Amino acid sequence: MADLPANGPSGAASARGTTSATSARGTSSGAAGARGTSSTGSSRRRPGGAVVAVKNVFVAESATFYTILGVTLFLVVFGVVMVLSSSSVEQYAATHDFFGAASRQGLYAVLGVPLMLVASRVPARSWRKWAMGVLGAALVLQLLVYTPLGVEIQGNRNWISIGSFSAQPSEAVKLGLALAVGAIMYVKRDKLDNWKELFVPIGIAIVLPLGLVLLGGDQGTAMIMLILVLGALYVGGARAKHLLVVVGTIAVVLPFITMTSASRSYRINAWLSGCTDSNQYQDLCWQPVHGMWALASGGVFGVGLGNSKAKWSWLPEADNDYIFAIIGEELGLIGAVVVLALFVVLAISMIKVIRQSRDPFVKTVTGGILAWIIGQALVNIAVVLGLLPVLGVPLPLISAGGSALIMTLVGIGVVLSFARELPGKRSDDAGIDTRTTLNTGVRASTTPRGPRTNGAQR
């Protein structure tokens, strides 16, 4: 090149001297610049570090993350309001406290939302590592149902009670199932064509939870678990022909399980007959008929928040299984459609997590939680509309109930933890983390550097 020194020892020495002098000047000037920045420009540098720290806390600044979080928080607050409206009359009649059920629901929300946020900070690799442990712990709690701690409510033995504290362990089993199926699908991700390799471990994982729940007589919760598992398998990549065999088997076995309970059979027969038998009005058809009347009386705009007539002891479980009927009565068709739309938005956001992720575990678990929450919401609404027989399934995030609310929030927190990692495209196998790259980039950009030397000299 024209500007290089002449060849020879003196030229090389000159080049080295020039390079060393230039480097020294660059280093000294860089050091001086660094000292100057530390002495005079520290106020400008510190806010930049704070901004980077905040960005590192919220690594996933994606619309999907905040959409799931925002919709969830809105539904929780809306649920507390609707529990207050639907339960106030019966609460006052029983305890002279209008706010009894609503205050409990608010307490559950105060406990559940921080747990959701904590769960959202757990990396996907940790959820995968803990999956079987979570399912095992949930099964231990479910076994307590069949000890003296177990409580039977309306024919279902699915609760444990310790003093004034009661819980429904099957809600924790749902989360454990989603994580366990996801972990199995991750391990078997290269053997999805072999149904024995896939369905034998998954069958072992789900038979005991389903058996324990069905033994307590809670077929509604067992159906939600089946929906969860099927949704997780479908999203995880299980072959359609294998899933069709599973669905066919369930369709054959389900009627026999239903006939094992006389009360369940009577409810289904009453639903099939359309509650046309007047003898069933005071018994089996009371709840579905009055739920339908509550919806019909709401019209388009509703009778107004707090003005329901059905909640005056006309509609059993108005704050729980049939809270959607109170929503339709007080807020009308518009309020009911808004609730449906919010669940649709929640479903679409979870589908985005599934589509953007490359991790089989993330896809499978998100698919299971999506099927659990959205499937349960659709089943509850279908029961209120008379499209399904009464199953005793609450409306997620809205119906009264501490165990259901808290575990649903934790499940959503798991999905939020997956959504946080989407923009970073963290690779568990390679151990790459965007936060490390981000911090490295910040350090590299603030490190003083001298003038670049020519490639020939290097």
Protein backbone atom coordinates (compact mmCIF):
# COMPACT_ATOMS: atom_id res chain seq x y z
CA MET A 1 0.00 0.00 0.00
CA ALA A 2 1.21 3.54 -0.74
CA ASP A 3 1.20 4.77 2.84
CA LEU A 4 3.14 1.78 4.30
CA PRO A 5 6.81 2.33 5.33
CA ALA A 6 9.57 1.07 3.07
CA ASN A 7 10.67 -2.54 3.34
CA GLY A 8 13.65 -3.45 5.41
CA PRO A 9 14.61 -3.46 9.05
CA SER A 10 14.48 0.29 9.41
CA GLY A 11 11.08 0.38 7.75
CA ALA A 12 9.77 -2.38 9.99
CA ALA A 13 11.16 -0.64 13.04
CA SER A 14 9.59 2.57 11.89
CA ALA A 15 6.27 0.81 11.43
CA ARG A 16 6.53 -0.74 14.88
CA GLY A 17 7.46 2.56 16.38
CA THR A 18 4.60 4.28 14.65
CA THR A 19 2.19 1.60 15.75
CA SER A 20 3.38 1.60 19.34
CA ALA A 21 3.32 5.38 19.52
CA THR A 22 -0.13 5.50 18.02
CA SER A 23 -1.35 2.78 20.37
CA ALA A 24 0.18 4.57 23.32
CA ARG A 25 -1.43 7.82 22.30
CA GLY A 26 -4.76 6.02 21.73
CA THR A 27 -4.51 4.26 25.07
CA SER A 28 -3.57 7.38 26.95
CA SER A 29 -6.26 9.42 25.27
CA GLY A 30 -8.76 6.62 25.87
CA ALA A 31 -7.75 6.49 29.52
CA ALA A 32 -8.01 10.24 29.77
CA GLY A 33 -11.39 10.07 28.11
CA ALA A 34 -12.44 7.39 30.53
CA ARG A 35 -11.22 9.47 33.47
CA GLY A 36 -12.99 12.48 32.08
CA THR A 37 -16.16 10.54 31.69
CA SER A 38 -15.96 9.20 35.21
CA SER A 39 -15.33 12.67 36.63
CA THR A 40 -17.61 14.81 34.54
CA GLY A 41 -19.99 12.51 32.67
CA SER A 42 -20.93 10.01 35.37
CA SER A 43 -24.40 11.50 35.60
CA ARG A 44 -24.91 10.67 31.94
CA ARG A 45 -23.52 7.14 32.18
CA ARG A 46 -25.47 6.04 35.27
CA PRO A 47 -28.95 6.48 33.78
CA GLY A 48 -27.81 4.34 30.85
CA GLY A 49 -26.81 1.59 33.27
CA ALA A 50 -30.14 1.88 35.07
CA VAL A 51 -32.02 1.58 31.81
CA VAL A 52 -30.02 -1.51 30.88
CA ALA A 53 -30.73 -2.99 34.32
CA VAL A 54 -34.46 -2.43 33.87
CA LYS A 55 -34.32 -4.00 30.41
CA ASN A 56 -32.52 -6.98 31.90
CA VAL A 57 -35.31 -7.39 34.45
CA PHE A 58 -37.92 -7.36 31.68
CA VAL A 59 -35.99 -9.28 29.05
CA ALA A 60 -39.13 -10.09 27.09
CA GLU A 61 -40.51 -6.72 26.15
CA SER A 62 -42.90 -8.41 23.76
CA ALA A 63 -46.53 -7.56 23.20
CA THR A 64 -47.40 -11.21 23.85
CA PHE A 65 -45.99 -11.10 27.38
CA TYR A 66 -47.84 -7.95 28.34
CA THR A 67 -51.06 -9.02 26.60
CA ILE A 68 -51.22 -12.24 28.63
CA LEU A 69 -50.37 -10.36 31.81
CA GLY A 70 -52.87 -7.55 31.18
CA VAL A 71 -55.79 -9.81 30.23
CA THR A 72 -55.12 -12.04 33.23
CA LEU A 73 -55.05 -9.15 35.71
CA PHE A 74 -58.22 -7.67 34.22
CA LEU A 75 -60.08 -11.00 34.50
CA VAL A 76 -58.93 -11.43 38.11
CA VAL A 77 -60.18 -7.97 39.13
CA PHE A 78 -63.38 -8.47 37.16
CA GLY A 79 -63.85 -11.82 38.89
CA VAL A 80 -63.57 -10.31 42.36
CA VAL A 81 -66.20 -7.71 41.41
CA MET A 82 -68.56 -10.34 40.03
CA VAL A 83 -68.07 -12.60 43.07
CA LEU A 84 -69.05 -9.64 45.26
CA SER A 85 -72.12 -8.95 43.16
CA SER A 86 -73.28 -12.56 42.89
CA SER A 87 -72.61 -13.65 46.49
CA SER A 88 -73.49 -10.61 48.58
CA VAL A 89 -77.14 -11.55 49.24
CA GLU A 90 -76.51 -15.13 50.37
CA GLN A 91 -73.44 -14.06 52.32
CA TYR A 92 -75.46 -11.53 54.26
CA ALA A 93 -78.19 -14.08 54.92
CA ALA A 94 -75.65 -16.57 56.25
CA THR A 95 -73.11 -14.38 58.05
CA HIS A 96 -74.48 -10.80 57.97
CA ASP A 97 -71.42 -9.85 55.92
CA PHE A 98 -71.98 -8.72 52.34
CA PHE A 99 -68.26 -8.92 51.57
CA GLY A 100 -67.42 -12.37 52.97
CA ALA A 101 -66.93 -14.29 49.71
CA ALA A 102 -65.51 -11.30 47.84
CA SER A 103 -62.94 -10.58 50.55
CA ARG A 104 -61.79 -14.20 50.46
CA GLN A 105 -61.54 -14.07 46.67
CA GLY A 106 -59.58 -10.83 46.92
CA LEU A 107 -57.20 -12.49 49.38
CA TYR A 108 -56.70 -15.41 47.00
CA ALA A 109 -55.96 -12.91 44.23
CA VAL A 110 -53.44 -11.10 46.43
CA LEU A 111 -51.70 -14.44 47.01
CA GLY A 112 -52.00 -15.70 43.45
CA VAL A 113 -50.78 -12.69 41.49
CA PRO A 114 -47.36 -12.52 43.22
CA LEU A 115 -47.00 -16.28 42.75
CA MET A 116 -47.72 -15.76 39.05
CA LEU A 117 -45.03 -13.09 38.83
CA VAL A 118 -42.54 -15.30 40.67
CA ALA A 119 -43.35 -18.20 38.32
CA SER A 120 -42.79 -15.88 35.36
CA ARG A 121 -39.16 -15.40 36.47
CA VAL A 122 -38.34 -19.12 36.48
CA PRO A 123 -36.44 -20.25 33.35
CA ALA A 124 -37.94 -22.92 31.11
CA ARG A 125 -35.04 -25.28 31.86
CA SER A 126 -35.93 -25.15 35.57
CA TRP A 127 -39.58 -25.97 34.90
CA ARG A 128 -38.43 -28.92 32.81
CA LYS A 129 -36.15 -30.11 35.60
CA TRP A 130 -38.88 -29.78 38.25
CA ALA A 131 -41.75 -31.19 36.15
CA MET A 132 -41.93 -34.67 37.67
CA GLY A 133 -41.36 -33.29 41.15
CA VAL A 134 -44.30 -30.90 40.79
CA LEU A 135 -46.55 -33.74 39.62
CA GLY A 136 -45.35 -35.98 42.46
CA ALA A 137 -46.04 -33.31 45.08
CA ALA A 138 -49.51 -32.69 43.63
CA LEU A 139 -50.29 -36.41 43.74
CA VAL A 140 -49.27 -36.55 47.40
CA LEU A 141 -51.75 -33.75 48.12
CA GLN A 142 -54.40 -35.56 46.10
CA LEU A 143 -53.86 -38.69 48.18
CA LEU A 144 -54.67 -36.67 51.30
CA VAL A 145 -58.23 -36.44 49.99
CA TYR A 146 -58.70 -40.08 51.04
CA THR A 147 -57.43 -39.52 54.57
CA PRO A 148 -59.39 -38.02 57.49
CA LEU A 149 -58.40 -34.61 56.06
CA GLY A 150 -60.57 -35.25 53.00
CA VAL A 151 -63.93 -33.53 52.65
CA GLU A 152 -66.88 -34.53 50.47
CA ILE A 153 -68.97 -31.74 48.93
CA GLN A 154 -72.10 -32.52 46.91
CA GLY A 155 -71.02 -36.08 46.28
CA ASN A 156 -67.43 -35.23 45.24
CA ARG A 157 -64.57 -36.09 47.55
CA ASN A 158 -62.00 -33.74 46.10
CA TRP A 159 -61.08 -31.35 48.93
CA ILE A 160 -58.84 -31.39 51.98
CA SER A 161 -59.60 -29.32 55.06
CA ILE A 162 -57.30 -28.29 57.89
CA GLY A 163 -59.17 -26.14 60.37
CA SER A 164 -60.62 -23.21 58.48
CA PHE A 165 -58.31 -23.81 55.52
CA SER A 166 -59.54 -25.91 52.61
CA ALA A 167 -57.97 -26.67 49.24
CA GLN A 168 -58.64 -28.67 46.09
CA PRO A 169 -55.45 -30.61 45.24
CA SER A 170 -56.69 -31.57 41.77
CA GLU A 171 -56.02 -27.99 40.65
CA ALA A 172 -52.32 -28.51 41.42
CA VAL A 173 -52.47 -31.86 39.61
CA LYS A 174 -53.51 -30.02 36.42
CA LEU A 175 -50.33 -27.94 36.46
CA GLY A 176 -48.24 -30.99 37.30
CA LEU A 177 -49.75 -32.90 34.39
CA ALA A 178 -48.98 -30.10 31.92
CA LEU A 179 -45.35 -29.94 33.06
CA ALA A 180 -44.91 -33.73 33.16
CA VAL A 181 -46.32 -34.29 29.67
CA GLY A 182 -44.08 -31.49 28.41
CA ALA A 183 -41.00 -33.09 29.97
CA ILE A 184 -41.84 -36.48 28.48
CA MET A 185 -42.45 -34.99 25.04
CA TYR A 186 -39.09 -33.19 25.27
CA VAL A 187 -37.24 -36.42 26.06
CA LYS A 188 -39.13 -38.34 23.36
CA ARG A 189 -39.01 -35.56 20.76
CA ASP A 190 -37.10 -37.77 18.30
CA LYS A 191 -39.40 -40.78 18.77
CA LEU A 192 -42.84 -39.31 18.14
CA ASP A 193 -43.55 -41.83 15.39
CA ASN A 194 -43.20 -44.73 17.82
CA TRP A 195 -46.42 -44.78 19.82
CA LYS A 196 -45.01 -47.17 22.43
CA GLU A 197 -42.09 -44.86 23.19
CA LEU A 198 -44.46 -41.93 23.65
CA PHE A 199 -47.76 -43.17 25.00
CA VAL A 200 -46.48 -45.73 27.49
CA PRO A 201 -44.69 -43.16 29.73
CA ILE A 202 -47.45 -40.61 29.23
CA GLY A 203 -50.08 -43.22 30.05
CA ILE A 204 -48.25 -44.09 33.25
CA ALA A 205 -48.02 -40.38 34.12
CA ILE A 206 -51.74 -39.66 33.66
CA VAL A 207 -53.44 -42.87 34.83
CA LEU A 208 -52.80 -42.31 38.53
CA PRO A 209 -53.94 -38.63 38.61
CA LEU A 210 -57.08 -39.42 36.62
CA GLY A 211 -57.81 -42.47 38.73
CA LEU A 212 -57.50 -40.54 42.00
CA VAL A 213 -59.79 -37.76 40.77
CA LEU A 214 -62.39 -40.18 39.39
CA LEU A 215 -62.26 -42.20 42.61
CA GLY A 216 -63.47 -39.07 44.38
CA GLY A 217 -66.37 -38.74 41.93
CA ASP A 218 -65.23 -35.53 40.24
CA GLN A 219 -65.77 -36.38 36.58
CA GLY A 220 -65.82 -32.72 35.53
CA THR A 221 -62.23 -32.16 36.72
CA ALA A 222 -61.16 -35.46 35.13
CA MET A 223 -62.58 -34.31 31.79
CA ILE A 224 -60.59 -31.07 32.01
CA MET A 225 -57.46 -33.12 32.69
CA LEU A 226 -58.10 -35.19 29.58
CA ILE A 227 -58.58 -32.04 27.52
CA LEU A 228 -55.30 -30.71 28.94
CA VAL A 229 -53.36 -33.86 28.05
CA LEU A 230 -54.84 -34.11 24.56
CA GLY A 231 -54.08 -30.44 23.89
CA ALA A 232 -50.50 -30.85 25.10
CA LEU A 233 -49.97 -33.96 22.95
CA TYR A 234 -51.42 -32.32 19.85
CA VAL A 235 -49.31 -29.18 20.18
CA GLY A 236 -46.25 -31.21 21.15
CA GLY A 237 -46.32 -33.06 17.84
CA ALA A 238 -47.97 -36.40 18.60
CA ARG A 239 -49.25 -38.10 15.46
CA ALA A 240 -52.89 -37.53 14.57
CA LYS A 241 -53.61 -41.23 14.03
CA HIS A 242 -52.38 -42.01 17.53
CA LEU A 243 -54.48 -39.21 19.03
CA LEU A 244 -57.56 -40.47 17.20
CA VAL A 245 -57.09 -43.87 18.81
CA VAL A 246 -56.87 -42.21 22.23
CA VAL A 247 -59.99 -40.11 21.60
CA GLY A 248 -61.87 -43.18 20.42
CA THR A 249 -60.87 -45.09 23.53
CA ILE A 250 -62.06 -42.23 25.74
CA ALA A 251 -65.38 -42.09 23.87
CA VAL A 252 -65.91 -45.79 24.55
CA VAL A 253 -64.87 -45.75 28.21
CA LEU A 254 -66.57 -42.46 29.21
CA PRO A 255 -70.19 -43.75 29.20
CA PHE A 256 -69.24 -46.62 31.52
CA ILE A 257 -67.53 -44.21 33.92
CA THR A 258 -70.59 -41.97 33.82
CA MET A 259 -72.95 -44.83 34.68
CA THR A 260 -70.98 -45.64 37.84
CA SER A 261 -72.61 -42.63 39.53
CA ALA A 262 -76.42 -42.60 39.82
CA SER A 263 -76.65 -38.83 40.38
CA ARG A 264 -74.44 -38.16 37.37
CA SER A 265 -76.57 -40.40 35.18
CA TYR A 266 -79.76 -38.65 36.33
CA ARG A 267 -78.29 -35.23 35.51
CA ILE A 268 -77.27 -36.35 32.04
CA ASN A 269 -80.69 -37.91 31.38
CA ALA A 270 -82.41 -34.70 32.51
CA TRP A 271 -80.17 -32.69 30.19
CA LEU A 272 -80.87 -35.01 27.26
CA SER A 273 -84.60 -34.65 27.83
CA GLY A 274 -84.30 -30.85 27.81
CA CYS A 275 -85.72 -30.64 31.35
CA THR A 276 -89.23 -31.13 29.96
CA ASP A 277 -90.28 -33.35 32.87
CA SER A 278 -92.04 -31.19 35.46
CA ASN A 279 -91.06 -33.65 38.19
CA GLN A 280 -87.40 -32.74 37.64
CA TYR A 281 -87.93 -28.99 37.86
CA GLN A 282 -87.53 -28.80 41.64
CA ASP A 283 -84.48 -31.06 41.61
CA LEU A 284 -82.17 -31.77 38.69
CA CYS A 285 -83.37 -29.00 36.41
CA TRP A 286 -83.62 -26.18 38.93
CA GLN A 287 -80.08 -24.90 38.41
CA PRO A 288 -79.87 -25.10 34.58
CA VAL A 289 -83.37 -23.66 34.10
CA HIS A 290 -82.79 -20.67 36.40
CA GLY A 291 -79.36 -20.14 34.87
CA MET A 292 -80.96 -19.88 31.46
CA TRP A 293 -83.62 -17.51 32.81
CA ALA A 294 -80.92 -15.28 34.29
CA LEU A 295 -79.14 -15.07 30.93
CA ALA A 296 -82.39 -14.36 29.09
CA SER A 297 -83.46 -11.61 31.47
CA GLY A 298 -80.22 -9.68 30.89
CA GLY A 299 -81.00 -8.81 27.28
CA VAL A 300 -78.41 -6.85 25.36
CA PHE A 301 -77.31 -4.32 27.97
CA GLY A 302 -78.17 -6.17 31.20
CA VAL A 303 -80.11 -5.08 34.27
CA GLY A 304 -77.07 -3.33 35.76
CA LEU A 305 -74.20 -4.41 37.98
CA GLY A 306 -75.56 -5.62 41.31
CA ASN A 307 -79.20 -5.75 40.17
CA SER A 308 -79.47 -9.50 39.54
CA LYS A 309 -82.62 -11.22 40.71
CA ALA A 310 -81.30 -14.75 40.26
CA LYS A 311 -78.71 -14.27 43.02
CA TRP A 312 -81.52 -13.90 45.58
CA SER A 313 -81.30 -17.65 46.28
CA TRP A 314 -82.90 -18.55 42.96
CA LEU A 315 -79.67 -19.80 41.36
CA PRO A 316 -77.44 -22.24 43.28
CA GLU A 317 -73.66 -21.68 42.98
CA ALA A 318 -74.25 -18.23 41.53
CA ASP A 319 -70.74 -17.09 42.47
CA ASN A 320 -69.05 -20.27 41.30
CA ASP A 321 -70.18 -22.64 38.56
CA TYR A 322 -72.95 -20.33 37.30
CA ILE A 323 -71.26 -16.96 37.61
CA PHE A 324 -71.44 -16.54 33.83
CA ALA A 325 -75.25 -16.50 34.15
CA ILE A 326 -74.98 -13.57 36.57
CA ILE A 327 -72.60 -11.81 34.16
CA GLY A 328 -75.16 -12.22 31.37
CA GLU A 329 -78.00 -11.01 33.58
CA GLU A 330 -76.29 -7.94 35.01
CA LEU A 331 -74.07 -6.93 32.07
CA GLY A 332 -76.15 -8.40 29.26
CA LEU A 333 -75.02 -9.80 25.96
CA ILE A 334 -72.33 -7.14 25.70
CA GLY A 335 -70.73 -8.16 29.00
CA ALA A 336 -70.89 -11.86 28.11
CA VAL A 337 -69.29 -11.23 24.71
CA VAL A 338 -66.52 -9.15 26.31
CA VAL A 339 -65.68 -12.01 28.66
CA LEU A 340 -65.58 -14.42 25.72
CA ALA A 341 -63.41 -11.99 23.75
CA LEU A 342 -60.91 -11.74 26.62
CA PHE A 343 -60.51 -15.51 26.71
CA VAL A 344 -60.05 -15.49 22.93
CA VAL A 345 -57.29 -12.87 23.28
CA LEU A 346 -55.66 -14.98 25.98
CA ALA A 347 -55.82 -18.03 23.70
CA ILE A 348 -54.34 -16.16 20.73
CA SER A 349 -51.48 -14.85 22.86
CA MET A 350 -50.64 -18.35 24.08
CA ILE A 351 -50.77 -19.62 20.50
CA LYS A 352 -48.19 -16.95 19.62
CA VAL A 353 -45.91 -18.32 22.34
CA ILE A 354 -46.31 -21.80 20.81
CA ARG A 355 -45.61 -20.58 17.28
CA GLN A 356 -42.56 -18.49 18.18
CA SER A 357 -40.86 -21.03 20.42
CA ARG A 358 -38.52 -23.73 19.14
CA ASP A 359 -38.40 -25.66 22.41
CA PRO A 360 -40.61 -28.79 22.39
CA PHE A 361 -41.06 -28.51 26.15
CA VAL A 362 -42.28 -24.92 25.90
CA LYS A 363 -44.67 -25.77 23.08
CA THR A 364 -46.14 -28.78 24.84
CA VAL A 365 -46.60 -27.17 28.26
CA THR A 366 -48.10 -24.02 26.76
CA GLY A 367 -50.47 -26.14 24.69
CA GLY A 368 -51.54 -28.04 27.80
CA ILE A 369 -52.14 -24.88 29.85
CA LEU A 370 -53.99 -23.32 26.91
CA ALA A 371 -56.26 -26.38 26.64
CA TRP A 372 -56.74 -26.38 30.43
CA ILE A 373 -57.77 -22.73 30.88
CA ILE A 374 -59.58 -22.06 27.62
CA GLY A 375 -61.11 -25.55 27.50
CA GLN A 376 -62.42 -25.19 31.05
CA ALA A 377 -63.84 -21.75 30.27
CA LEU A 378 -65.67 -23.09 27.22
CA VAL A 379 -67.01 -26.07 29.17
CA ASN A 380 -68.30 -23.80 31.95
CA ILE A 381 -69.99 -21.44 29.49
CA ALA A 382 -71.45 -24.39 27.56
CA VAL A 383 -72.98 -25.73 30.78
CA VAL A 384 -74.60 -22.36 31.55
CA LEU A 385 -75.94 -22.17 27.98
CA GLY A 386 -77.39 -25.66 28.32
CA LEU A 387 -75.08 -27.17 25.70
CA LEU A 388 -73.59 -29.60 28.24
CA PRO A 389 -74.96 -31.22 31.40
CA VAL A 390 -73.99 -29.76 34.76
CA LEU A 391 -70.37 -30.77 35.43
CA GLY A 392 -69.36 -28.58 38.36
CA VAL A 393 -66.52 -26.84 36.51
CA PRO A 394 -65.76 -23.21 37.53
CA LEU A 395 -65.01 -20.35 35.14
CA PRO A 396 -61.24 -19.76 35.29
CA LEU A 397 -60.02 -16.51 36.91
CA ILE A 398 -63.60 -15.36 37.56
CA SER A 399 -65.50 -17.94 39.63
CA ALA A 400 -65.12 -18.01 43.41
CA GLY A 401 -62.56 -20.51 44.67
CA GLY A 402 -59.05 -20.12 46.02
CA SER A 403 -57.35 -23.28 44.76
CA ALA A 404 -58.61 -22.83 41.21
CA LEU A 405 -57.65 -19.15 41.06
CA ILE A 406 -54.17 -19.56 42.54
CA MET A 407 -53.18 -22.57 40.44
CA THR A 408 -54.58 -21.00 37.28
CA LEU A 409 -52.47 -17.91 37.96
CA VAL A 410 -49.37 -20.06 38.54
CA GLY A 411 -50.07 -21.87 35.25
CA ILE A 412 -50.28 -18.54 33.45
CA GLY A 413 -47.06 -17.53 35.21
CA VAL A 414 -45.36 -20.56 33.62
CA VAL A 415 -46.51 -19.38 30.18
CA LEU A 416 -45.27 -15.87 31.00
CA SER A 417 -41.86 -17.32 31.84
CA PHE A 418 -41.81 -18.89 28.38
CA ALA A 419 -42.93 -15.62 26.77
CA ARG A 420 -40.10 -13.76 28.49
CA GLU A 421 -37.56 -15.95 26.76
CA LEU A 422 -38.98 -15.65 23.26
CA PRO A 423 -37.25 -12.39 22.14
CA GLY A 424 -33.93 -13.58 23.62
CA LYS A 425 -34.16 -16.96 21.85
CA ARG A 426 -32.33 -18.53 24.72
CA SER A 427 -30.68 -21.82 23.79
CA ASP A 428 -30.68 -24.29 26.67
CA ASP A 429 -28.41 -26.67 24.78
CA ALA A 430 -25.78 -24.07 23.97
CA GLY A 431 -26.17 -22.17 27.23
CA ILE A 432 -26.63 -18.87 25.40
CA ASP A 433 -28.54 -16.13 27.15
CA THR A 434 -29.48 -12.83 25.56
CA ARG A 435 -28.95 -11.06 28.86
CA THR A 436 -25.28 -12.13 28.78
CA THR A 437 -24.97 -10.89 25.21
CA LEU A 438 -26.72 -7.67 26.14
CA ASN A 439 -24.40 -7.03 29.06
CA THR A 440 -21.35 -7.96 26.97
CA GLY A 441 -22.47 -5.54 24.30
CA VAL A 442 -22.86 -2.75 26.82
CA ARG A 443 -19.41 -3.37 28.25
CA ALA A 444 -17.85 -3.57 24.82
CA SER A 445 -19.44 -0.34 23.72
CA THR A 446 -18.20 1.54 26.79
CA THR A 447 -14.62 0.13 26.78
CA PRO A 448 -12.09 2.79 25.64
CA ARG A 449 -10.34 1.78 22.45
CA GLY A 450 -7.47 3.33 20.58
CA PRO A 451 -7.32 3.88 16.81
CA ARG A 452 -7.73 0.75 14.67
CA THR A 453 -4.48 -0.54 13.21
CA ASN A 454 -4.11 -1.79 9.69
CA GLY A 455 -4.85 -5.44 9.06
CA ALA A 456 -1.43 -5.94 7.41
CA GLN A 457 0.32 -4.75 10.53
CA ARG A 458 -1.77 -7.12 12.72
